[in-house]
Amino acid sequence: MAISDRIRKLRQERHWSQAELGEQLGVHQKQVSAYERGVNLPSTEVLIKLAEVFNVTLDYLAFEA
């Protein structure tokens, strides 16, 4: 599963909007949308925040299984 799909899946499992996730990450909703569409990849800093927010490891987020 690609990181874009993983971010979308984790967000939807928590019933969060893209805007809500963006607030937690300190990024705009449009940026979350770009991550989920695979247009942009999250920076290392945002990856760390994603792992914290979703309570998952960086390995789970960053590497396709």
Protein backbone atom coordinates (compact mmCIF):
# COMPACT_ATOMS: atom_id res chain seq x y z
CA MET A 1 0.00 0.00 0.00
CA ALA A 2 1.37 3.41 -0.96
CA ILE A 3 1.90 6.07 1.69
CA SER A 4 -0.88 8.16 0.12
CA ASP A 5 -3.37 5.31 0.57
CA ARG A 6 -2.14 4.62 4.08
CA ILE A 7 -2.65 8.24 5.15
CA ARG A 8 -6.17 8.27 3.70
CA LYS A 9 -7.03 4.93 5.33
CA LEU A 10 -5.78 5.98 8.76
CA ARG A 11 -7.60 9.32 8.55
CA GLN A 12 -10.86 7.71 7.50
CA GLU A 13 -10.64 5.06 10.23
CA ARG A 14 -10.64 7.91 12.74
CA HIS A 15 -13.51 9.70 10.97
CA TRP A 16 -11.41 12.86 10.56
CA SER A 17 -11.78 15.31 7.72
CA GLN A 18 -8.73 16.41 5.79
CA ALA A 19 -9.04 19.79 7.50
CA GLU A 20 -9.03 18.17 10.96
CA LEU A 21 -5.91 16.17 10.13
CA GLY A 22 -4.30 19.28 8.68
CA GLU A 23 -4.91 21.17 11.92
CA GLN A 24 -3.19 18.44 13.91
CA LEU A 25 -0.23 18.45 11.52
CA GLY A 26 0.02 22.22 11.16
CA VAL A 27 -0.63 22.10 7.41
CA HIS A 28 -3.50 23.25 5.21
CA GLN A 29 -6.26 20.87 4.12
CA LYS A 30 -5.05 21.22 0.53
CA GLN A 31 -1.69 19.78 1.55
CA VAL A 32 -3.37 16.77 3.19
CA SER A 33 -5.32 16.28 -0.03
CA ALA A 34 -2.08 16.37 -2.03
CA TYR A 35 -0.54 13.74 0.27
CA GLU A 36 -3.58 11.49 -0.15
CA ARG A 37 -3.59 11.88 -3.93
CA GLY A 38 0.12 11.12 -4.12
CA VAL A 39 0.88 14.52 -5.66
CA ASN A 40 3.24 15.48 -2.81
CA LEU A 41 5.15 13.37 -0.32
CA PRO A 42 5.17 14.48 3.32
CA SER A 43 8.44 15.93 4.60
CA THR A 44 10.31 14.05 7.31
CA GLU A 45 8.90 16.46 9.87
CA VAL A 46 5.32 15.82 8.71
CA LEU A 47 5.93 12.06 8.60
CA ILE A 48 6.98 12.17 12.24
CA LYS A 49 3.84 14.16 13.12
CA LEU A 50 1.67 11.70 11.15
CA ALA A 51 3.15 8.77 13.06
CA GLU A 52 2.47 10.53 16.37
CA VAL A 53 -1.07 11.58 15.45
CA PHE A 54 -2.00 8.13 14.15
CA ASN A 55 0.01 6.30 16.86
CA VAL A 56 1.85 4.17 14.31
CA THR A 57 5.52 3.66 13.49
CA LEU A 58 7.38 5.56 10.81
CA ASP A 59 8.12 2.21 9.14
CA TYR A 60 4.41 1.51 8.82
CA LEU A 61 3.79 4.88 7.17
CA ALA A 62 6.83 5.12 4.94
CA PHE A 63 7.38 1.63 3.59
CA GLU A 64 5.01 -0.32 1.38
CA ALA A 65 4.22 -3.79 2.66
